[in-house]
Amino acid sequence: MADLTHFDAEGRAHMVDVSGKPDTARIAMAEGHVRMEPSTLAHVTGGTAKKGDVLGVARLAGIMAAKRTAELIPLCHPLPLSKVALELQPDDALPGVRIVATVKTTGPTGVEMEALTAVSAAALTVYDMLKAVDRALEIGGIRVLLKDGGKSGRFEAGT
């Protein structure tokens, strides 16, 4: 378990001590999607979902979730976020909604968990708002696209 930073020498879970790390500019991007029937996507794009503006509500849910990541994921540090942005794009080819979250901070640890949490909460909100008309909704593809800042350097998915 030596490579897993959230475990101590005895194998017990612990919060990593980042007090000695310098504050650096950090950014992370994550993506995911919600697959649905074309008729369900038509409710999203046409603004006819009974619960309201699916993409707007999901965007807000993602922003709120990113800000509360440390309350949801036990070993995450609470971080002062300087940016949380979500893009939710209807995609006829999927069919469904593609979600991308971008999160920034200046601090001693990265924000990939905040980006992943934002995407997850946005996807769950899309699901919640549409489940009455489509019981086969599928959430998937949640992953980190980009992580940059700090000593571990830049990570870009697919490179």
Protein backbone atom coordinates (compact mmCIF):
# COMPACT_ATOMS: atom_id res chain seq x y z
CA MET A 1 0.00 0.00 0.00
CA ALA A 2 3.05 2.25 -0.12
CA ASP A 3 1.84 3.81 -3.40
CA LEU A 4 -1.62 4.62 -2.04
CA THR A 5 -1.32 7.95 -0.26
CA HIS A 6 -4.59 7.62 1.66
CA PHE A 7 -3.23 4.71 3.73
CA ASP A 8 -0.61 4.94 6.47
CA ALA A 9 2.24 2.44 7.03
CA GLU A 10 -0.15 0.14 8.92
CA GLY A 11 -2.73 0.19 6.13
CA ARG A 12 -5.20 2.48 7.89
CA ALA A 13 -7.06 5.13 5.94
CA HIS A 14 -5.99 8.70 6.75
CA MET A 15 -6.21 12.18 5.32
CA VAL A 16 -2.98 13.09 3.54
CA ASP A 17 -0.98 15.88 5.20
CA VAL A 18 -0.62 18.62 2.58
CA SER A 19 0.60 21.29 5.01
CA GLY A 20 4.14 21.20 3.61
CA LYS A 21 3.09 21.51 -0.02
CA PRO A 22 3.20 24.91 -1.72
CA ASP A 23 0.08 26.54 -3.06
CA THR A 24 0.01 26.27 -6.85
CA ALA A 25 -2.59 26.95 -9.52
CA ARG A 26 -4.61 23.79 -10.08
CA ILE A 27 -7.17 22.83 -12.70
CA ALA A 28 -9.11 19.67 -13.42
CA MET A 29 -11.67 18.72 -16.01
CA ALA A 30 -13.94 15.69 -15.92
CA GLU A 31 -16.61 14.34 -18.23
CA GLY A 32 -19.55 12.00 -18.25
CA HIS A 33 -22.85 11.45 -20.02
CA VAL A 34 -26.45 10.43 -19.56
CA ARG A 35 -27.76 8.22 -22.34
CA MET A 36 -31.52 8.31 -23.02
CA GLU A 37 -34.21 7.61 -25.60
CA PRO A 38 -34.39 10.16 -28.42
CA SER A 39 -37.90 11.12 -27.27
CA THR A 40 -36.54 11.89 -23.81
CA LEU A 41 -33.78 14.05 -25.28
CA ALA A 42 -36.50 15.93 -27.16
CA HIS A 43 -37.99 16.91 -23.78
CA VAL A 44 -34.59 18.30 -22.76
CA THR A 45 -33.98 20.27 -25.93
CA GLY A 46 -37.60 21.37 -26.28
CA GLY A 47 -37.90 22.56 -22.69
CA THR A 48 -40.91 20.32 -22.08
CA ALA A 49 -39.64 18.25 -19.13
CA LYS A 50 -42.26 18.37 -16.37
CA LYS A 51 -39.68 19.23 -13.69
CA GLY A 52 -38.38 22.24 -15.64
CA ASP A 53 -35.04 23.30 -17.13
CA VAL A 54 -33.11 20.04 -16.99
CA LEU A 55 -29.75 21.43 -18.09
CA GLY A 56 -29.95 24.56 -15.92
CA VAL A 57 -30.87 22.65 -12.78
CA ALA A 58 -28.19 20.01 -13.45
CA ARG A 59 -25.57 22.74 -13.95
CA LEU A 60 -26.43 24.24 -10.56
CA ALA A 61 -26.38 20.81 -8.91
CA GLY A 62 -22.89 20.19 -10.30
CA ILE A 63 -21.61 23.53 -9.04
CA MET A 64 -23.09 22.95 -5.59
CA ALA A 65 -21.68 19.42 -5.41
CA ALA A 66 -18.16 20.54 -6.35
CA LYS A 67 -18.23 23.02 -3.47
CA ARG A 68 -19.25 20.25 -1.05
CA THR A 69 -16.90 17.48 -2.21
CA ALA A 70 -15.05 17.31 1.13
CA GLU A 71 -18.38 16.63 2.86
CA LEU A 72 -19.18 13.76 0.48
CA ILE A 73 -15.81 12.06 -0.04
CA PRO A 74 -14.31 11.23 3.37
CA LEU A 75 -10.61 11.89 2.74
CA CYS A 76 -10.88 14.95 0.49
CA HIS A 77 -9.58 18.29 1.76
CA PRO A 78 -11.96 21.25 1.81
CA LEU A 79 -10.66 23.65 -0.82
CA PRO A 80 -11.39 27.26 -1.73
CA LEU A 81 -12.55 26.89 -5.31
CA SER A 82 -11.94 29.80 -7.64
CA LYS A 83 -13.96 28.40 -10.56
CA VAL A 84 -16.56 25.71 -11.14
CA ALA A 85 -18.09 25.57 -14.61
CA LEU A 86 -20.27 22.91 -16.20
CA GLU A 87 -21.09 22.43 -19.85
CA LEU A 88 -24.12 20.26 -20.58
CA GLN A 89 -24.60 19.55 -24.26
CA PRO A 90 -27.45 17.61 -25.82
CA ASP A 91 -26.04 15.04 -28.25
CA ASP A 92 -28.36 13.39 -30.77
CA ALA A 93 -25.69 10.83 -31.67
CA LEU A 94 -25.48 9.50 -28.08
CA PRO A 95 -28.49 10.11 -27.70
CA GLY A 96 -28.33 12.02 -24.45
CA VAL A 97 -26.49 14.75 -22.62
CA ARG A 98 -22.71 15.13 -22.42
CA ILE A 99 -21.36 16.81 -19.29
CA VAL A 100 -17.96 18.47 -18.77
CA ALA A 101 -16.90 20.13 -15.52
CA THR A 102 -13.93 22.46 -15.09
CA VAL A 103 -12.72 23.29 -11.58
CA LYS A 104 -9.88 25.62 -10.52
CA THR A 105 -8.18 26.53 -7.27
CA THR A 106 -4.87 27.74 -5.94
CA GLY A 107 -3.80 25.43 -3.17
CA PRO A 108 -1.69 22.49 -2.00
CA THR A 109 -3.78 19.73 -3.60
CA GLY A 110 -5.65 19.06 -6.81
CA VAL A 111 -9.30 19.43 -7.73
CA GLU A 112 -9.98 16.32 -9.79
CA MET A 113 -12.33 14.96 -7.12
CA GLU A 114 -14.32 18.20 -7.25
CA ALA A 115 -14.59 17.93 -11.05
CA LEU A 116 -15.68 14.28 -10.84
CA THR A 117 -18.20 15.10 -8.11
CA ALA A 118 -19.62 17.95 -10.21
CA VAL A 119 -20.12 15.67 -13.22
CA SER A 120 -21.63 12.92 -11.06
CA ALA A 121 -24.13 15.23 -9.38
CA ALA A 122 -25.10 16.85 -12.67
CA ALA A 123 -25.66 13.41 -14.24
CA LEU A 124 -27.72 12.26 -11.26
CA THR A 125 -29.82 15.42 -11.51
CA VAL A 126 -30.48 14.82 -15.22
CA TYR A 127 -31.52 11.29 -14.25
CA ASP A 128 -33.80 12.52 -11.47
CA MET A 129 -35.50 15.06 -13.68
CA LEU A 130 -36.19 12.59 -16.50
CA LYS A 131 -36.73 9.24 -14.77
CA ALA A 132 -40.53 9.56 -14.95
CA VAL A 133 -40.44 9.45 -18.77
CA ASP A 134 -37.44 7.14 -19.32
CA ARG A 135 -36.73 4.29 -16.94
CA ALA A 136 -33.76 3.13 -19.02
CA LEU A 137 -31.59 6.24 -18.49
CA GLU A 138 -27.92 5.33 -18.26
CA ILE A 139 -25.13 7.31 -16.59
CA GLY A 140 -21.64 6.55 -17.83
CA GLY A 141 -18.24 7.60 -19.03
CA ILE A 142 -17.31 9.54 -15.90
CA ARG A 143 -13.57 10.18 -15.95
CA VAL A 144 -10.86 12.80 -15.54
CA LEU A 145 -9.96 14.55 -18.79
CA LEU A 146 -7.31 16.93 -17.45
CA LYS A 147 -5.42 17.50 -14.23
CA ASP A 148 -2.70 20.11 -13.99
CA GLY A 149 -0.73 21.86 -11.27
CA GLY A 150 1.45 20.62 -8.46
CA LYS A 151 4.46 18.34 -8.49
CA SER A 152 2.86 15.43 -10.32
CA GLY A 153 2.51 17.58 -13.44
CA ARG A 154 -0.03 17.50 -16.21
CA PHE A 155 -2.32 14.59 -17.04
CA GLU A 156 -4.49 14.56 -20.14
CA ALA A 157 -6.69 11.57 -20.94
CA GLY A 158 -5.67 9.83 -24.12
CA THR A 159 -2.16 11.28 -24.29
